[in-house]
Amino acid sequence: MSKKRIEYDADKRLIKVYRSFSKARTLVPNDEIQKWTGVLRDGEDEKGRKVDHVRYVFADRDTAEYNQQPLAFAKLQTFVATDGDEKPFGDDPNFSVREDFGIDGGDGS
């Protein structure tokens, strides 16, 4: 069973999506990621609140690590909650769509 809680910080124009799954290393569903990517693109959520950032906060490190690359690719932040504190997890994705699909061979051609 998974759990999800959403909070909004008006000062930072930030939505926090708190996620936990019964099984570590579970991916956030693609349709959920698309929803938040759309909110970022539009600059506001369905309630009309201004949004500049969407942050996923995971209950465990393994799930944060498993989701970091797809979330970063979607321009969503990945954090992990540890001892009552939220810390950023990971960097930008280390791949690109162009390379993944063989569009950019990387050899200057």
C-alpha atoms as a PDB file:
ATOM      1  CA  MET A   1       0.000   0.000   0.000  1.00  0.00           C
ATOM      2  CA  SER A   2       1.260   3.452  -0.825  1.00  0.00           C
ATOM      3  CA  LYS A   3       0.623   6.707   0.966  1.00  0.00           C
ATOM      4  CA  LYS A   4       0.650  10.231  -0.390  1.00  0.00           C
ATOM      5  CA  ARG A   5       0.267  13.590   1.326  1.00  0.00           C
ATOM      6  CA  ILE A   6       0.518  16.978  -0.396  1.00  0.00           C
ATOM      7  CA  GLU A   7       1.515  20.293   1.196  1.00  0.00           C
ATOM      8  CA  TYR A   8       1.803  23.761  -0.335  1.00  0.00           C
ATOM      9  CA  ASP A   9       4.279  26.486   0.719  1.00  0.00           C
ATOM     10  CA  ALA A  10       2.971  29.803  -0.647  1.00  0.00           C
ATOM     11  CA  ASP A  11       6.154  31.742   0.213  1.00  0.00           C
ATOM     12  CA  LYS A  12       8.339  29.396  -1.846  1.00  0.00           C
ATOM     13  CA  ARG A  13       5.602  28.569  -4.383  1.00  0.00           C
ATOM     14  CA  LEU A  14       6.430  24.951  -3.651  1.00  0.00           C
ATOM     15  CA  ILE A  15       4.327  21.805  -3.625  1.00  0.00           C
ATOM     16  CA  LYS A  16       5.666  18.950  -1.501  1.00  0.00           C
ATOM     17  CA  VAL A  17       4.457  15.471  -2.356  1.00  0.00           C
ATOM     18  CA  TYR A  18       5.198  13.119   0.530  1.00  0.00           C
ATOM     19  CA  ARG A  19       5.354   9.548  -0.790  1.00  0.00           C
ATOM     20  CA  SER A  20       5.861   6.210   0.849  1.00  0.00           C
ATOM     21  CA  PHE A  21       5.359   2.751  -0.582  1.00  0.00           C
ATOM     22  CA  SER A  22       4.951  -0.574   1.184  1.00  0.00           C
ATOM     23  CA  LYS A  23       7.760  -1.896  -0.998  1.00  0.00           C
ATOM     24  CA  ALA A  24      10.992   0.098  -1.333  1.00  0.00           C
ATOM     25  CA  ARG A  25      12.229   0.692  -4.864  1.00  0.00           C
ATOM     26  CA  THR A  26       8.754   1.351  -6.219  1.00  0.00           C
ATOM     27  CA  LEU A  27       8.454   3.899  -9.005  1.00  0.00           C
ATOM     28  CA  VAL A  28       6.058   6.814  -8.811  1.00  0.00           C
ATOM     29  CA  PRO A  29       3.381   6.145 -11.453  1.00  0.00           C
ATOM     30  CA  ASN A  30       4.026   7.867 -14.771  1.00  0.00           C
ATOM     31  CA  ASP A  31       0.610   9.561 -14.845  1.00  0.00           C
ATOM     32  CA  GLU A  32       1.357  11.129 -11.455  1.00  0.00           C
ATOM     33  CA  ILE A  33       4.692  12.471 -12.711  1.00  0.00           C
ATOM     34  CA  GLN A  34       2.956  13.858 -15.797  1.00  0.00           C
ATOM     35  CA  LYS A  35       0.389  15.618 -13.602  1.00  0.00           C
ATOM     36  CA  TRP A  36       3.091  17.480 -11.640  1.00  0.00           C
ATOM     37  CA  THR A  37       5.094  18.236 -14.776  1.00  0.00           C
ATOM     38  CA  GLY A  38       1.953  19.878 -16.170  1.00  0.00           C
ATOM     39  CA  VAL A  39       1.538  21.903 -12.977  1.00  0.00           C
ATOM     40  CA  LEU A  40       5.126  23.169 -13.347  1.00  0.00           C
ATOM     41  CA  ARG A  41       4.591  23.972 -17.014  1.00  0.00           C
ATOM     42  CA  ASP A  42       1.376  25.870 -16.275  1.00  0.00           C
ATOM     43  CA  GLY A  43       2.839  27.600 -13.210  1.00  0.00           C
ATOM     44  CA  GLU A  44      -0.171  26.805 -11.051  1.00  0.00           C
ATOM     45  CA  ASP A  45      -2.049  23.837  -9.656  1.00  0.00           C
ATOM     46  CA  GLU A  46      -5.708  22.862 -10.020  1.00  0.00           C
ATOM     47  CA  LYS A  47      -6.562  25.165  -7.093  1.00  0.00           C
ATOM     48  CA  GLY A  48      -5.005  28.168  -8.853  1.00  0.00           C
ATOM     49  CA  ARG A  49      -2.018  28.358  -6.481  1.00  0.00           C
ATOM     50  CA  LYS A  50       1.228  29.613  -8.042  1.00  0.00           C
ATOM     51  CA  VAL A  51       3.841  26.861  -8.340  1.00  0.00           C
ATOM     52  CA  ASP A  52       7.541  27.199  -9.200  1.00  0.00           C
ATOM     53  CA  HIS A  53       8.756  23.878  -7.747  1.00  0.00           C
ATOM     54  CA  VAL A  54       7.408  20.403  -7.054  1.00  0.00           C
ATOM     55  CA  ARG A  55       9.331  18.328  -4.521  1.00  0.00           C
ATOM     56  CA  TYR A  56       8.880  14.623  -3.866  1.00  0.00           C
ATOM     57  CA  VAL A  57       9.809  13.688  -0.299  1.00  0.00           C
ATOM     58  CA  PHE A  58      10.302   9.964   0.209  1.00  0.00           C
ATOM     59  CA  ALA A  59      10.185   8.127   3.499  1.00  0.00           C
ATOM     60  CA  ASP A  60      13.258   6.024   2.698  1.00  0.00           C
ATOM     61  CA  ARG A  61      16.547   6.396   0.858  1.00  0.00           C
ATOM     62  CA  ASP A  62      16.084   3.355  -1.421  1.00  0.00           C
ATOM     63  CA  THR A  63      12.845   4.689  -2.872  1.00  0.00           C
ATOM     64  CA  ALA A  64      14.329   8.171  -3.275  1.00  0.00           C
ATOM     65  CA  GLU A  65      17.306   6.699  -5.127  1.00  0.00           C
ATOM     66  CA  TYR A  66      15.071   4.557  -7.350  1.00  0.00           C
ATOM     67  CA  ASN A  67      12.938   7.564  -8.352  1.00  0.00           C
ATOM     68  CA  GLN A  68      15.556  10.328  -8.515  1.00  0.00           C
ATOM     69  CA  GLN A  69      16.544   9.996 -12.187  1.00  0.00           C
ATOM     70  CA  PRO A  70      13.008   9.983 -13.665  1.00  0.00           C
ATOM     71  CA  LEU A  71      11.912  12.796 -11.336  1.00  0.00           C
ATOM     72  CA  ALA A  72      14.966  14.917 -12.133  1.00  0.00           C
ATOM     73  CA  PHE A  73      14.388  14.340 -15.845  1.00  0.00           C
ATOM     74  CA  ALA A  74      10.832  15.664 -15.322  1.00  0.00           C
ATOM     75  CA  LYS A  75      12.285  18.717 -13.476  1.00  0.00           C
ATOM     76  CA  LEU A  76      10.830  17.547 -10.149  1.00  0.00           C
ATOM     77  CA  GLN A  77      12.935  17.647  -6.988  1.00  0.00           C
ATOM     78  CA  THR A  78      13.787  14.519  -4.997  1.00  0.00           C
ATOM     79  CA  PHE A  79      14.219  14.663  -1.225  1.00  0.00           C
ATOM     80  CA  VAL A  80      14.398  12.040   1.492  1.00  0.00           C
ATOM     81  CA  ALA A  81      13.016  12.456   5.003  1.00  0.00           C
ATOM     82  CA  THR A  82      15.509  11.427   7.660  1.00  0.00           C
ATOM     83  CA  ASP A  83      15.103  11.976  11.381  1.00  0.00           C
ATOM     84  CA  GLY A  84      12.390  14.593  10.876  1.00  0.00           C
ATOM     85  CA  ASP A  85      14.515  16.543   8.390  1.00  0.00           C
ATOM     86  CA  GLU A  86      14.198  16.716   4.611  1.00  0.00           C
ATOM     87  CA  LYS A  87      17.394  16.538   2.588  1.00  0.00           C
ATOM     88  CA  PRO A  88      17.909  16.782  -1.179  1.00  0.00           C
ATOM     89  CA  PHE A  89      18.762  13.537  -2.913  1.00  0.00           C
ATOM     90  CA  GLY A  90      20.800  13.349  -6.091  1.00  0.00           C
ATOM     91  CA  ASP A  91      21.613  15.685  -8.930  1.00  0.00           C
ATOM     92  CA  ASP A  92      20.322  16.255 -12.419  1.00  0.00           C
ATOM     93  CA  PRO A  93      19.793  13.129 -14.514  1.00  0.00           C
ATOM     94  CA  ASN A  94      22.929  11.699 -16.079  1.00  0.00           C
ATOM     95  CA  PHE A  95      21.223  10.901 -19.382  1.00  0.00           C
ATOM     96  CA  SER A  96      19.351  12.784 -22.067  1.00  0.00           C
ATOM     97  CA  VAL A  97      16.583  11.833 -24.426  1.00  0.00           C
ATOM     98  CA  ARG A  98      18.757  12.622 -27.437  1.00  0.00           C
ATOM     99  CA  GLU A  99      21.459  10.189 -26.334  1.00  0.00           C
ATOM    100  CA  ASP A 100      18.990   7.547 -25.171  1.00  0.00           C
ATOM    101  CA  PHE A 101      17.401   7.391 -28.613  1.00  0.00           C
ATOM    102  CA  GLY A 102      20.635   7.547 -30.578  1.00  0.00           C
ATOM    103  CA  ILE A 103      19.960  11.032 -31.945  1.00  0.00           C
ATOM    104  CA  ASP A 104      23.229  12.405 -30.594  1.00  0.00           C
ATOM    105  CA  GLY A 105      26.109  10.019 -31.172  1.00  0.00           C
ATOM    106  CA  GLY A 106      28.506  12.089 -29.073  1.00  0.00           C
ATOM    107  CA  ASP A 107      31.283  11.864 -31.685  1.00  0.00           C
ATOM    108  CA  GLY A 108      30.678  15.290 -33.238  1.00  0.00           C
ATOM    109  CA  SER A 109      28.824  13.919 -36.248  1.00  0.00           C
END
